[in-house]
């Protein structure tokens, strides 16, 4: 049986974004990506969907659970903050230019650091990224 033409990569002209559908914050962020995306090139896929896992056999489940992954139509895999930067790069106009901040010295390191710090506690965070154990600010 011949392998599917899109196995291991996004559909032609798309960027597959593999997100953790079991994570409240991840689902909210994916909705934010959908709202932000003006390219029509984002192909969101829940990593818990067996079809997603079968389509990207080159990525281990434990890796997907650590951080967001994006895969382009050539099979190049982007992880964590770099995946977010790739989403930005696909956007038309000024939004796409935001991706070039990645090349400012120190920015990539800082973005990766902050991404990993938040990703480690994502199951303890609400849809807005706040730790669930933190009490909301009092309204006067």
C-alpha atoms as a PDB file:
ATOM      1  CA  UNK A   1       0.000   0.000   0.000  1.00  0.00           C
ATOM      2  CA  UNK A   2       1.424   3.404  -0.968  1.00  0.00           C
ATOM      3  CA  UNK A   3       2.048   5.940   1.795  1.00  0.00           C
ATOM      4  CA  UNK A   4      -0.243   8.938   1.970  1.00  0.00           C
ATOM      5  CA  UNK A   5       1.279  11.894   0.085  1.00  0.00           C
ATOM      6  CA  UNK A   6       0.919  14.094   3.181  1.00  0.00           C
ATOM      7  CA  UNK A   7       2.330  11.630   5.735  1.00  0.00           C
ATOM      8  CA  UNK A   8       4.889  13.428   7.856  1.00  0.00           C
ATOM      9  CA  UNK A   9       4.027  16.865   6.527  1.00  0.00           C
ATOM     10  CA  UNK A  10       1.258  19.434   6.197  1.00  0.00           C
ATOM     11  CA  UNK A  11      -1.100  19.611   3.257  1.00  0.00           C
ATOM     12  CA  UNK A  12       0.363  21.517   0.278  1.00  0.00           C
ATOM     13  CA  UNK A  13       0.749  25.213   1.094  1.00  0.00           C
ATOM     14  CA  UNK A  14      -0.242  24.705   4.742  1.00  0.00           C
ATOM     15  CA  UNK A  15       1.379  24.601   8.169  1.00  0.00           C
ATOM     16  CA  UNK A  16       0.069  21.803  10.403  1.00  0.00           C
ATOM     17  CA  UNK A  17      -0.101  23.002  14.013  1.00  0.00           C
ATOM     18  CA  UNK A  18      -0.209  20.112  16.479  1.00  0.00           C
ATOM     19  CA  UNK A  19      -1.633  21.316  19.779  1.00  0.00           C
ATOM     20  CA  UNK A  20      -2.634  19.612  23.039  1.00  0.00           C
ATOM     21  CA  UNK A  21      -6.426  19.469  22.977  1.00  0.00           C
ATOM     22  CA  UNK A  22      -6.449  18.202  26.587  1.00  0.00           C
ATOM     23  CA  UNK A  23      -4.946  21.493  27.780  1.00  0.00           C
ATOM     24  CA  UNK A  24      -7.352  24.367  28.493  1.00  0.00           C
ATOM     25  CA  UNK A  25      -4.726  27.029  27.820  1.00  0.00           C
ATOM     26  CA  UNK A  26      -3.574  25.275  24.625  1.00  0.00           C
ATOM     27  CA  UNK A  27      -7.126  25.148  23.243  1.00  0.00           C
ATOM     28  CA  UNK A  28      -7.626  28.835  24.021  1.00  0.00           C
ATOM     29  CA  UNK A  29      -4.314  29.719  22.375  1.00  0.00           C
ATOM     30  CA  UNK A  30      -5.246  27.694  19.308  1.00  0.00           C
ATOM     31  CA  UNK A  31      -8.494  29.673  19.085  1.00  0.00           C
ATOM     32  CA  UNK A  32      -6.374  32.830  19.320  1.00  0.00           C
ATOM     33  CA  UNK A  33      -4.233  31.558  16.439  1.00  0.00           C
ATOM     34  CA  UNK A  34      -7.384  30.883  14.391  1.00  0.00           C
ATOM     35  CA  UNK A  35      -8.631  34.414  15.099  1.00  0.00           C
ATOM     36  CA  UNK A  36      -5.218  35.943  14.307  1.00  0.00           C
ATOM     37  CA  UNK A  37      -4.556  33.905  11.160  1.00  0.00           C
ATOM     38  CA  UNK A  38      -5.174  35.938   8.032  1.00  0.00           C
ATOM     39  CA  UNK A  39      -3.195  33.557   5.833  1.00  0.00           C
ATOM     40  CA  UNK A  40      -5.619  30.637   5.608  1.00  0.00           C
ATOM     41  CA  UNK A  41      -2.529  28.421   5.747  1.00  0.00           C
ATOM     42  CA  UNK A  42      -2.843  27.093   9.296  1.00  0.00           C
ATOM     43  CA  UNK A  43      -3.972  23.478   9.614  1.00  0.00           C
ATOM     44  CA  UNK A  44      -4.745  22.894  13.334  1.00  0.00           C
ATOM     45  CA  UNK A  45      -4.579  19.302  14.552  1.00  0.00           C
ATOM     46  CA  UNK A  46      -5.231  17.966  18.047  1.00  0.00           C
ATOM     47  CA  UNK A  47      -2.327  15.695  18.987  1.00  0.00           C
ATOM     48  CA  UNK A  48      -4.798  13.401  20.780  1.00  0.00           C
ATOM     49  CA  UNK A  49      -6.595  12.646  17.517  1.00  0.00           C
ATOM     50  CA  UNK A  50      -5.372   9.232  16.288  1.00  0.00           C
ATOM     51  CA  UNK A  51      -5.389  10.543  12.693  1.00  0.00           C
ATOM     52  CA  UNK A  52      -2.970  13.322  13.663  1.00  0.00           C
ATOM     53  CA  UNK A  53      -0.632  10.865  15.327  1.00  0.00           C
ATOM     54  CA  UNK A  54      -0.750   8.533  12.320  1.00  0.00           C
ATOM     55  CA  UNK A  55      -0.043  11.415   9.959  1.00  0.00           C
ATOM     56  CA  UNK A  56       3.115  12.512  11.791  1.00  0.00           C
ATOM     57  CA  UNK A  57       4.837   9.266  12.807  1.00  0.00           C
ATOM     58  CA  UNK A  58       8.234  10.990  12.910  1.00  0.00           C
ATOM     59  CA  UNK A  59       7.244  12.916  16.053  1.00  0.00           C
ATOM     60  CA  UNK A  60       7.114  11.010  19.324  1.00  0.00           C
ATOM     61  CA  UNK A  61       4.049  11.494  21.548  1.00  0.00           C
ATOM     62  CA  UNK A  62       6.157  12.585  24.522  1.00  0.00           C
ATOM     63  CA  UNK A  63       7.701  15.339  22.358  1.00  0.00           C
ATOM     64  CA  UNK A  64       4.259  16.565  21.314  1.00  0.00           C
ATOM     65  CA  UNK A  65       3.190  16.696  24.954  1.00  0.00           C
ATOM     66  CA  UNK A  66       6.186  18.884  25.833  1.00  0.00           C
ATOM     67  CA  UNK A  67       5.548  21.727  23.408  1.00  0.00           C
ATOM     68  CA  UNK A  68       3.612  22.951  20.412  1.00  0.00           C
ATOM     69  CA  UNK A  69       4.768  21.538  17.081  1.00  0.00           C
ATOM     70  CA  UNK A  70       4.244  22.906  13.590  1.00  0.00           C
ATOM     71  CA  UNK A  71       5.100  20.968  10.455  1.00  0.00           C
ATOM     72  CA  UNK A  72       5.288  22.551   7.007  1.00  0.00           C
ATOM     73  CA  UNK A  73       4.448  20.967   3.681  1.00  0.00           C
ATOM     74  CA  UNK A  74       8.091  19.887   3.235  1.00  0.00           C
ATOM     75  CA  UNK A  75       8.101  17.998   6.545  1.00  0.00           C
ATOM     76  CA  UNK A  76      10.204  20.525   8.472  1.00  0.00           C
ATOM     77  CA  UNK A  77       9.261  20.423  12.162  1.00  0.00           C
ATOM     78  CA  UNK A  78       9.230  23.567  14.319  1.00  0.00           C
ATOM     79  CA  UNK A  79       8.880  23.300  18.099  1.00  0.00           C
ATOM     80  CA  UNK A  80       7.781  25.608  20.898  1.00  0.00           C
ATOM     81  CA  UNK A  81       8.423  29.304  20.422  1.00  0.00           C
ATOM     82  CA  UNK A  82       9.882  28.624  16.977  1.00  0.00           C
ATOM     83  CA  UNK A  83       6.549  27.063  15.947  1.00  0.00           C
ATOM     84  CA  UNK A  84       4.760  30.243  16.990  1.00  0.00           C
ATOM     85  CA  UNK A  85       7.271  32.267  14.999  1.00  0.00           C
ATOM     86  CA  UNK A  86       6.565  30.132  11.934  1.00  0.00           C
ATOM     87  CA  UNK A  87       2.828  30.858  12.315  1.00  0.00           C
ATOM     88  CA  UNK A  88       3.680  34.571  12.363  1.00  0.00           C
ATOM     89  CA  UNK A  89       5.940  34.226   9.316  1.00  0.00           C
ATOM     90  CA  UNK A  90       3.023  32.970   7.217  1.00  0.00           C
ATOM     91  CA  UNK A  91       0.844  35.972   7.988  1.00  0.00           C
ATOM     92  CA  UNK A  92       0.383  38.638   5.333  1.00  0.00           C
ATOM     93  CA  UNK A  93       1.425  42.240   5.842  1.00  0.00           C
ATOM     94  CA  UNK A  94       2.697  43.634   9.133  1.00  0.00           C
ATOM     95  CA  UNK A  95       1.755  40.479  11.019  1.00  0.00           C
ATOM     96  CA  UNK A  96       4.268  38.529   8.947  1.00  0.00           C
ATOM     97  CA  UNK A  97       6.988  41.063   9.643  1.00  0.00           C
ATOM     98  CA  UNK A  98       6.654  40.333  13.369  1.00  0.00           C
ATOM     99  CA  UNK A  99       8.398  37.019  12.680  1.00  0.00           C
ATOM    100  CA  UNK A 100      11.645  38.870  11.967  1.00  0.00           C
ATOM    101  CA  UNK A 101      11.926  39.879  15.630  1.00  0.00           C
ATOM    102  CA  UNK A 102      13.181  36.295  16.029  1.00  0.00           C
ATOM    103  CA  UNK A 103      16.496  37.426  14.518  1.00  0.00           C
ATOM    104  CA  UNK A 104      17.088  40.253  17.010  1.00  0.00           C
ATOM    105  CA  UNK A 105      20.037  39.078  19.127  1.00  0.00           C
ATOM    106  CA  UNK A 106      18.802  37.389  22.295  1.00  0.00           C
ATOM    107  CA  UNK A 107      15.142  37.271  21.298  1.00  0.00           C
ATOM    108  CA  UNK A 108      15.049  33.594  20.260  1.00  0.00           C
ATOM    109  CA  UNK A 109      16.701  32.548  23.527  1.00  0.00           C
ATOM    110  CA  UNK A 110      14.276  34.656  25.583  1.00  0.00           C
ATOM    111  CA  UNK A 111      11.237  33.412  23.621  1.00  0.00           C
ATOM    112  CA  UNK A 112      12.281  29.785  24.074  1.00  0.00           C
ATOM    113  CA  UNK A 113      12.959  30.293  27.784  1.00  0.00           C
ATOM    114  CA  UNK A 114       9.576  31.922  28.397  1.00  0.00           C
ATOM    115  CA  UNK A 115       7.753  29.346  26.269  1.00  0.00           C
ATOM    116  CA  UNK A 116       9.288  26.400  28.176  1.00  0.00           C
ATOM    117  CA  UNK A 117       8.614  28.036  31.546  1.00  0.00           C
ATOM    118  CA  UNK A 118       4.902  28.377  30.770  1.00  0.00           C
ATOM    119  CA  UNK A 119       4.606  25.035  28.932  1.00  0.00           C
ATOM    120  CA  UNK A 120       5.862  23.103  31.983  1.00  0.00           C
ATOM    121  CA  UNK A 121       2.850  24.287  33.993  1.00  0.00           C
ATOM    122  CA  UNK A 122       0.229  24.418  31.232  1.00  0.00           C
ATOM    123  CA  UNK A 123      -2.126  21.914  32.884  1.00  0.00           C
ATOM    124  CA  UNK A 124      -2.190  24.113  35.989  1.00  0.00           C
ATOM    125  CA  UNK A 125      -3.202  27.167  33.947  1.00  0.00           C
ATOM    126  CA  UNK A 126      -6.592  28.438  32.878  1.00  0.00           C
ATOM    127  CA  UNK A 127      -7.579  29.513  29.365  1.00  0.00           C
ATOM    128  CA  UNK A 128      -5.949  32.922  29.900  1.00  0.00           C
ATOM    129  CA  UNK A 129      -2.668  31.374  30.997  1.00  0.00           C
ATOM    130  CA  UNK A 130      -3.043  32.258  34.689  1.00  0.00           C
ATOM    131  CA  UNK A 131      -2.141  29.642  37.276  1.00  0.00           C
ATOM    132  CA  UNK A 132      -5.383  28.169  38.593  1.00  0.00           C
ATOM    133  CA  UNK A 133      -4.056  28.336  42.148  1.00  0.00           C
ATOM    134  CA  UNK A 134      -3.745  32.107  41.951  1.00  0.00           C
ATOM    135  CA  UNK A 135      -6.768  33.979  43.184  1.00  0.00           C
ATOM    136  CA  UNK A 136      -8.172  36.481  40.669  1.00  0.00           C
ATOM    137  CA  UNK A 137      -7.574  40.122  41.589  1.00  0.00           C
ATOM    138  CA  UNK A 138     -10.215  41.646  43.820  1.00  0.00           C
ATOM    139  CA  UNK A 139     -12.625  44.021  42.087  1.00  0.00           C
ATOM    140  CA  UNK A 140     -13.407  47.152  44.030  1.00  0.00           C
END
